[in-house]
């Protein structure tokens, strides 16, 4: 039996916004976190508007948050995260990350925030 490895993200364009869908339920393994985070940071260096769909993610490491902050700091790029589960968003509020990252509930709200 062959095992086909699924890509951890799906990237497409919605108008002038690049949409990144995070596919894993858990972003905990260091190699996976670094791959997804590195890809997001690289994308933020090339694109002006990115909407990150976090609706599939139930758990993630603090290392992933660091990558999100790094992507958010890229000059000339606006990043909006959406679909964040309540448990993860609670961590954002406690750590005041909700003040550093632009977060919205839905894709529509995220796309509107980037116009």
C-alpha atoms as a PDB file:
ATOM      1  CA  UNK A   1       0.000   0.000   0.000  1.00  0.00           C
ATOM      2  CA  UNK A   2       1.423   3.381  -0.970  1.00  0.00           C
ATOM      3  CA  UNK A   3       0.924   6.370   1.239  1.00  0.00           C
ATOM      4  CA  UNK A   4       0.326   9.656  -0.568  1.00  0.00           C
ATOM      5  CA  UNK A   5       1.499  12.584   1.500  1.00  0.00           C
ATOM      6  CA  UNK A   6      -1.000  15.429   1.493  1.00  0.00           C
ATOM      7  CA  UNK A   7       0.271  18.962   1.134  1.00  0.00           C
ATOM      8  CA  UNK A   8      -0.279  20.958   4.344  1.00  0.00           C
ATOM      9  CA  UNK A   9      -1.672  23.986   2.501  1.00  0.00           C
ATOM     10  CA  UNK A  10      -3.786  24.803  -0.504  1.00  0.00           C
ATOM     11  CA  UNK A  11      -3.071  28.146  -2.137  1.00  0.00           C
ATOM     12  CA  UNK A  12      -5.287  29.915  -4.637  1.00  0.00           C
ATOM     13  CA  UNK A  13      -6.293  33.405  -5.705  1.00  0.00           C
ATOM     14  CA  UNK A  14      -9.557  35.161  -4.856  1.00  0.00           C
ATOM     15  CA  UNK A  15      -9.447  38.332  -6.911  1.00  0.00           C
ATOM     16  CA  UNK A  16      -6.302  40.181  -5.825  1.00  0.00           C
ATOM     17  CA  UNK A  17      -6.032  38.210  -2.557  1.00  0.00           C
ATOM     18  CA  UNK A  18      -3.949  35.070  -2.125  1.00  0.00           C
ATOM     19  CA  UNK A  19      -5.876  32.558  -0.014  1.00  0.00           C
ATOM     20  CA  UNK A  20      -3.900  30.022   2.003  1.00  0.00           C
ATOM     21  CA  UNK A  21      -5.907  27.143   3.436  1.00  0.00           C
ATOM     22  CA  UNK A  22      -4.181  25.367   6.303  1.00  0.00           C
ATOM     23  CA  UNK A  23      -5.204  21.712   5.984  1.00  0.00           C
ATOM     24  CA  UNK A  24      -3.785  19.833   9.013  1.00  0.00           C
ATOM     25  CA  UNK A  25      -5.919  19.558  12.148  1.00  0.00           C
ATOM     26  CA  UNK A  26      -2.750  19.674  14.218  1.00  0.00           C
ATOM     27  CA  UNK A  27       0.204  21.958  13.574  1.00  0.00           C
ATOM     28  CA  UNK A  28       2.449  20.543  16.274  1.00  0.00           C
ATOM     29  CA  UNK A  29       5.341  18.641  14.666  1.00  0.00           C
ATOM     30  CA  UNK A  30       8.343  20.941  14.338  1.00  0.00           C
ATOM     31  CA  UNK A  31       9.106  19.968  10.716  1.00  0.00           C
ATOM     32  CA  UNK A  32       5.495  20.557   9.642  1.00  0.00           C
ATOM     33  CA  UNK A  33       5.274  23.866  11.520  1.00  0.00           C
ATOM     34  CA  UNK A  34       8.536  25.080   9.969  1.00  0.00           C
ATOM     35  CA  UNK A  35       7.426  24.038   6.490  1.00  0.00           C
ATOM     36  CA  UNK A  36       4.023  25.722   6.728  1.00  0.00           C
ATOM     37  CA  UNK A  37       5.442  28.763   8.506  1.00  0.00           C
ATOM     38  CA  UNK A  38       8.339  29.120   6.089  1.00  0.00           C
ATOM     39  CA  UNK A  39       6.012  28.880   3.105  1.00  0.00           C
ATOM     40  CA  UNK A  40       3.743  31.559   4.587  1.00  0.00           C
ATOM     41  CA  UNK A  41       6.668  33.891   5.302  1.00  0.00           C
ATOM     42  CA  UNK A  42       8.024  33.405   1.763  1.00  0.00           C
ATOM     43  CA  UNK A  43       4.581  34.074   0.303  1.00  0.00           C
ATOM     44  CA  UNK A  44       4.257  37.239   2.393  1.00  0.00           C
ATOM     45  CA  UNK A  45       7.489  38.434   0.804  1.00  0.00           C
ATOM     46  CA  UNK A  46       5.939  38.122  -2.680  1.00  0.00           C
ATOM     47  CA  UNK A  47       2.250  38.992  -2.270  1.00  0.00           C
ATOM     48  CA  UNK A  48       0.468  42.116  -1.029  1.00  0.00           C
ATOM     49  CA  UNK A  49      -2.713  40.567   0.393  1.00  0.00           C
ATOM     50  CA  UNK A  50      -3.013  37.159   2.053  1.00  0.00           C
ATOM     51  CA  UNK A  51      -6.042  35.581   3.742  1.00  0.00           C
ATOM     52  CA  UNK A  52      -5.153  32.535   5.846  1.00  0.00           C
ATOM     53  CA  UNK A  53      -7.972  30.017   6.408  1.00  0.00           C
ATOM     54  CA  UNK A  54      -7.408  28.372   9.794  1.00  0.00           C
ATOM     55  CA  UNK A  55     -10.778  26.616  10.016  1.00  0.00           C
ATOM     56  CA  UNK A  56      -9.309  23.092   9.813  1.00  0.00           C
ATOM     57  CA  UNK A  57      -6.762  23.720  12.586  1.00  0.00           C
ATOM     58  CA  UNK A  58      -7.713  22.495  16.057  1.00  0.00           C
ATOM     59  CA  UNK A  59      -4.268  22.539  17.697  1.00  0.00           C
ATOM     60  CA  UNK A  60      -1.036  24.363  16.965  1.00  0.00           C
ATOM     61  CA  UNK A  61       2.269  25.005  18.625  1.00  0.00           C
ATOM     62  CA  UNK A  62       3.486  28.357  19.855  1.00  0.00           C
ATOM     63  CA  UNK A  63       6.215  28.040  17.203  1.00  0.00           C
ATOM     64  CA  UNK A  64       3.485  28.367  14.544  1.00  0.00           C
ATOM     65  CA  UNK A  65       2.364  31.623  16.156  1.00  0.00           C
ATOM     66  CA  UNK A  66       5.917  32.912  15.800  1.00  0.00           C
ATOM     67  CA  UNK A  67       5.825  32.181  12.076  1.00  0.00           C
ATOM     68  CA  UNK A  68       2.487  33.981  11.806  1.00  0.00           C
ATOM     69  CA  UNK A  69       3.962  37.039  13.507  1.00  0.00           C
ATOM     70  CA  UNK A  70       6.974  36.952  11.170  1.00  0.00           C
ATOM     71  CA  UNK A  71       4.733  36.745   8.082  1.00  0.00           C
ATOM     72  CA  UNK A  72       2.632  39.595   9.431  1.00  0.00           C
ATOM     73  CA  UNK A  73       5.738  41.816   9.718  1.00  0.00           C
ATOM     74  CA  UNK A  74       6.677  41.573   6.027  1.00  0.00           C
ATOM     75  CA  UNK A  75       6.671  45.054   4.511  1.00  0.00           C
ATOM     76  CA  UNK A  76       4.132  45.644   1.795  1.00  0.00           C
ATOM     77  CA  UNK A  77       1.984  42.651   2.744  1.00  0.00           C
ATOM     78  CA  UNK A  78      -1.255  42.548   4.689  1.00  0.00           C
ATOM     79  CA  UNK A  79      -2.172  39.208   6.253  1.00  0.00           C
ATOM     80  CA  UNK A  80      -5.588  38.382   7.712  1.00  0.00           C
ATOM     81  CA  UNK A  81      -6.226  35.122   9.573  1.00  0.00           C
ATOM     82  CA  UNK A  82      -9.758  33.732   9.722  1.00  0.00           C
ATOM     83  CA  UNK A  83     -11.708  30.723  10.919  1.00  0.00           C
ATOM     84  CA  UNK A  84      -9.600  30.384  14.060  1.00  0.00           C
ATOM     85  CA  UNK A  85     -11.171  27.943  16.533  1.00  0.00           C
ATOM     86  CA  UNK A  86     -12.293  29.334  19.891  1.00  0.00           C
ATOM     87  CA  UNK A  87      -9.590  27.526  21.914  1.00  0.00           C
ATOM     88  CA  UNK A  88      -6.764  28.959  19.809  1.00  0.00           C
ATOM     89  CA  UNK A  89      -8.347  32.407  19.669  1.00  0.00           C
ATOM     90  CA  UNK A  90      -8.589  32.401  23.465  1.00  0.00           C
ATOM     91  CA  UNK A  91      -4.793  32.005  23.559  1.00  0.00           C
ATOM     92  CA  UNK A  92      -4.542  34.949  21.158  1.00  0.00           C
ATOM     93  CA  UNK A  93      -6.608  37.128  23.506  1.00  0.00           C
ATOM     94  CA  UNK A  94      -4.726  36.078  26.652  1.00  0.00           C
ATOM     95  CA  UNK A  95      -1.352  36.708  25.018  1.00  0.00           C
ATOM     96  CA  UNK A  96      -2.617  39.873  23.266  1.00  0.00           C
ATOM     97  CA  UNK A  97      -1.822  38.421  19.842  1.00  0.00           C
ATOM     98  CA  UNK A  98      -5.274  39.551  18.737  1.00  0.00           C
ATOM     99  CA  UNK A  99      -3.817  43.098  18.900  1.00  0.00           C
ATOM    100  CA  UNK A 100      -0.809  42.176  16.716  1.00  0.00           C
ATOM    101  CA  UNK A 101      -2.526  39.995  14.114  1.00  0.00           C
ATOM    102  CA  UNK A 102      -5.606  40.833  12.077  1.00  0.00           C
ATOM    103  CA  UNK A 103      -8.162  38.103  12.735  1.00  0.00           C
ATOM    104  CA  UNK A 104     -11.692  37.707  11.413  1.00  0.00           C
ATOM    105  CA  UNK A 105     -14.370  35.043  11.908  1.00  0.00           C
ATOM    106  CA  UNK A 106     -15.260  34.334   8.288  1.00  0.00           C
ATOM    107  CA  UNK A 107     -13.644  34.346   4.872  1.00  0.00           C
ATOM    108  CA  UNK A 108     -15.966  37.127   3.758  1.00  0.00           C
ATOM    109  CA  UNK A 109     -14.886  39.305   6.685  1.00  0.00           C
ATOM    110  CA  UNK A 110     -11.224  38.536   5.958  1.00  0.00           C
ATOM    111  CA  UNK A 111     -11.550  39.423   2.278  1.00  0.00           C
ATOM    112  CA  UNK A 112     -13.411  42.630   3.170  1.00  0.00           C
ATOM    113  CA  UNK A 113     -10.611  43.587   5.590  1.00  0.00           C
ATOM    114  CA  UNK A 114      -8.128  43.315   2.709  1.00  0.00           C
ATOM    115  CA  UNK A 115     -10.010  45.623   0.322  1.00  0.00           C
END
